[in-house]
Protein backbone atom coordinates (compact mmCIF):
# COMPACT_ATOMS: atom_id res chain seq x y z
CA UNK A 1 -11.34 -74.76 -11.67
CA UNK A 2 -13.92 -77.27 -11.36
CA UNK A 3 -13.00 -80.90 -10.23
CA UNK A 4 -10.77 -80.22 -6.88
CA UNK A 5 -11.05 -82.89 -3.96
CA UNK A 6 -10.91 -80.62 -1.67
CA UNK A 7 -14.61 -79.36 -0.54
CA UNK A 8 -13.41 -75.64 0.13
CA UNK A 9 -11.15 -75.34 -2.85
CA UNK A 10 -14.96 -76.23 -4.74
CA UNK A 11 -16.19 -73.80 -2.65
CA UNK A 12 -14.42 -71.16 -3.60
CA UNK A 13 -13.24 -72.24 -6.63
CA UNK A 14 -17.55 -71.63 -7.75
CA UNK A 15 -17.77 -68.06 -6.82
CA UNK A 16 -15.92 -67.23 -9.83
CA UNK A 17 -17.47 -69.36 -12.29
CA UNK A 18 -19.55 -66.46 -13.67
CA UNK A 19 -18.96 -64.09 -11.78
CA UNK A 20 -15.43 -62.11 -13.27
CA UNK A 21 -12.86 -61.66 -10.17
CA UNK A 22 -12.96 -58.23 -8.66
CA UNK A 23 -16.93 -58.46 -8.71
CA UNK A 24 -15.99 -61.58 -5.94
CA UNK A 25 -15.49 -59.71 -2.05
CA UNK A 26 -13.42 -61.44 0.29
CA UNK A 27 -16.64 -61.90 2.51
CA UNK A 28 -18.24 -63.89 0.17
CA UNK A 29 -14.88 -66.24 0.33
CA UNK A 30 -15.02 -66.00 3.67
CA UNK A 31 -18.73 -66.94 3.82
CA UNK A 32 -17.88 -70.31 1.97
CA UNK A 33 -15.00 -71.16 3.18
CA UNK A 34 -16.53 -70.53 6.95
CA UNK A 35 -19.69 -73.24 6.25
CA UNK A 36 -17.39 -75.94 4.80
CA UNK A 37 -15.86 -75.47 7.79
CA UNK A 38 -12.06 -73.86 7.10
CA UNK A 39 -10.32 -70.42 7.95
CA UNK A 40 -7.14 -68.89 9.01
CA UNK A 41 -4.45 -71.60 7.67
CA UNK A 42 -6.27 -73.52 5.58
CA UNK A 43 -8.53 -70.91 4.40
CA UNK A 44 -5.03 -69.18 2.52
CA UNK A 45 -4.09 -72.73 1.25
CA UNK A 46 -7.43 -73.44 0.18
CA UNK A 47 -6.89 -69.62 -1.92
CA UNK A 48 -3.44 -70.48 -3.28
CA UNK A 49 -4.61 -73.99 -4.90
CA UNK A 50 -7.51 -71.96 -6.39
CA UNK A 51 -5.11 -69.85 -8.21
CA UNK A 52 -2.72 -72.16 -8.54
CA UNK A 53 -5.60 -74.62 -10.84
CA UNK A 54 -6.02 -70.91 -12.31
CA UNK A 55 -2.06 -71.53 -13.57
CA UNK A 56 -2.36 -74.52 -14.56
CA UNK A 57 -5.90 -74.08 -16.61
CA UNK A 58 -4.47 -71.19 -18.21
CA UNK A 59 -0.76 -72.85 -19.71
CA UNK A 60 -2.10 -76.19 -20.34
CA UNK A 61 -1.09 -74.88 -24.21
CA UNK A 62 2.15 -73.84 -22.43
CA UNK A 63 1.82 -69.67 -22.81
CA UNK A 64 -0.32 -67.42 -21.31
CA UNK A 65 -1.71 -64.37 -23.29
CA UNK A 66 -2.79 -60.76 -21.92
CA UNK A 67 -6.46 -61.49 -21.65
CA UNK A 68 -4.91 -64.67 -19.17
CA UNK A 69 -2.65 -62.39 -17.23
CA UNK A 70 -5.07 -59.89 -17.30
CA UNK A 71 -7.36 -62.55 -14.90
CA UNK A 72 -5.00 -64.18 -12.80
CA UNK A 73 -3.91 -60.68 -11.53
CA UNK A 74 -7.89 -59.72 -11.05
CA UNK A 75 -8.00 -63.46 -9.36
CA UNK A 76 -5.14 -62.56 -7.08
CA UNK A 77 -6.52 -59.97 -5.60
CA UNK A 78 -9.92 -60.77 -5.18
CA UNK A 79 -8.19 -64.16 -2.99
CA UNK A 80 -5.69 -61.95 -1.28
CA UNK A 81 -2.57 -63.71 -2.63
CA UNK A 82 -0.32 -61.15 -2.46
CA UNK A 83 1.80 -60.73 -5.31
CA UNK A 84 5.29 -62.02 -4.75
CA UNK A 85 3.00 -65.42 -3.76
CA UNK A 86 1.46 -65.78 -6.99
CA UNK A 87 4.49 -64.86 -9.07
CA UNK A 88 6.23 -68.43 -7.25
CA UNK A 89 3.13 -70.12 -8.19
CA UNK A 90 3.18 -68.90 -11.76
CA UNK A 91 6.58 -70.00 -11.75
CA UNK A 92 6.20 -73.26 -10.12
CA UNK A 93 4.02 -74.46 -13.29
CA UNK A 94 5.76 -72.50 -15.91
CA UNK A 95 9.98 -73.06 -14.92
CA UNK A 96 9.08 -77.28 -15.50
CA UNK A 97 8.00 -76.74 -18.97
CA UNK A 98 10.49 -74.55 -20.59
CA UNK A 99 13.74 -76.60 -18.45
CA UNK A 100 12.24 -80.09 -20.39
CA UNK A 101 11.98 -77.99 -23.35
CA UNK A 102 15.28 -76.15 -22.70
CA UNK A 103 16.54 -79.65 -21.88
CA UNK A 104 15.38 -81.52 -24.99
CA UNK A 105 16.87 -78.75 -26.90
CA UNK A 106 19.98 -78.82 -25.28
CA UNK A 107 20.11 -82.77 -26.30
CA UNK A 108 19.80 -82.40 -29.70
CA UNK A 109 21.76 -79.59 -30.33
CA UNK A 110 19.21 -76.96 -31.94
CA UNK A 111 17.66 -74.28 -30.08
CA UNK A 112 14.98 -73.41 -32.51
C-alpha cells in the first residue's frame, strides 16, 4: 500500500499504515484528499485504487485467508466502497488467476 504514482492514493493509503480501518474516519480521508486537490469522482477513484491494491497485496500468495478477508471488509467500509464494488474489485484480481489455473489444468488434462 505504500508506492502509488498518484499522491492522493498514497496519502489515503498512508492513513491505514498504522491505524485499523475502522479508526480512519471519512473526514480524515476527505481531508488528505483535499490537501492533494482531489474530490468528487477522483476521490472515489483514489479510494477504489487503494482498496484494489490492498486486494492485490493480500492475494499475492493466491489466497485470501479469513483475517485478510475481514481486514478487506473493514477497509472497504472505511473507504466508503459499496459491497458490490468491493466484490467486483476482488473478482477482478482473483478471477484471472483462477482462469489461468483452470486453463493450465485443462491443457494437461489433470485436475488436481
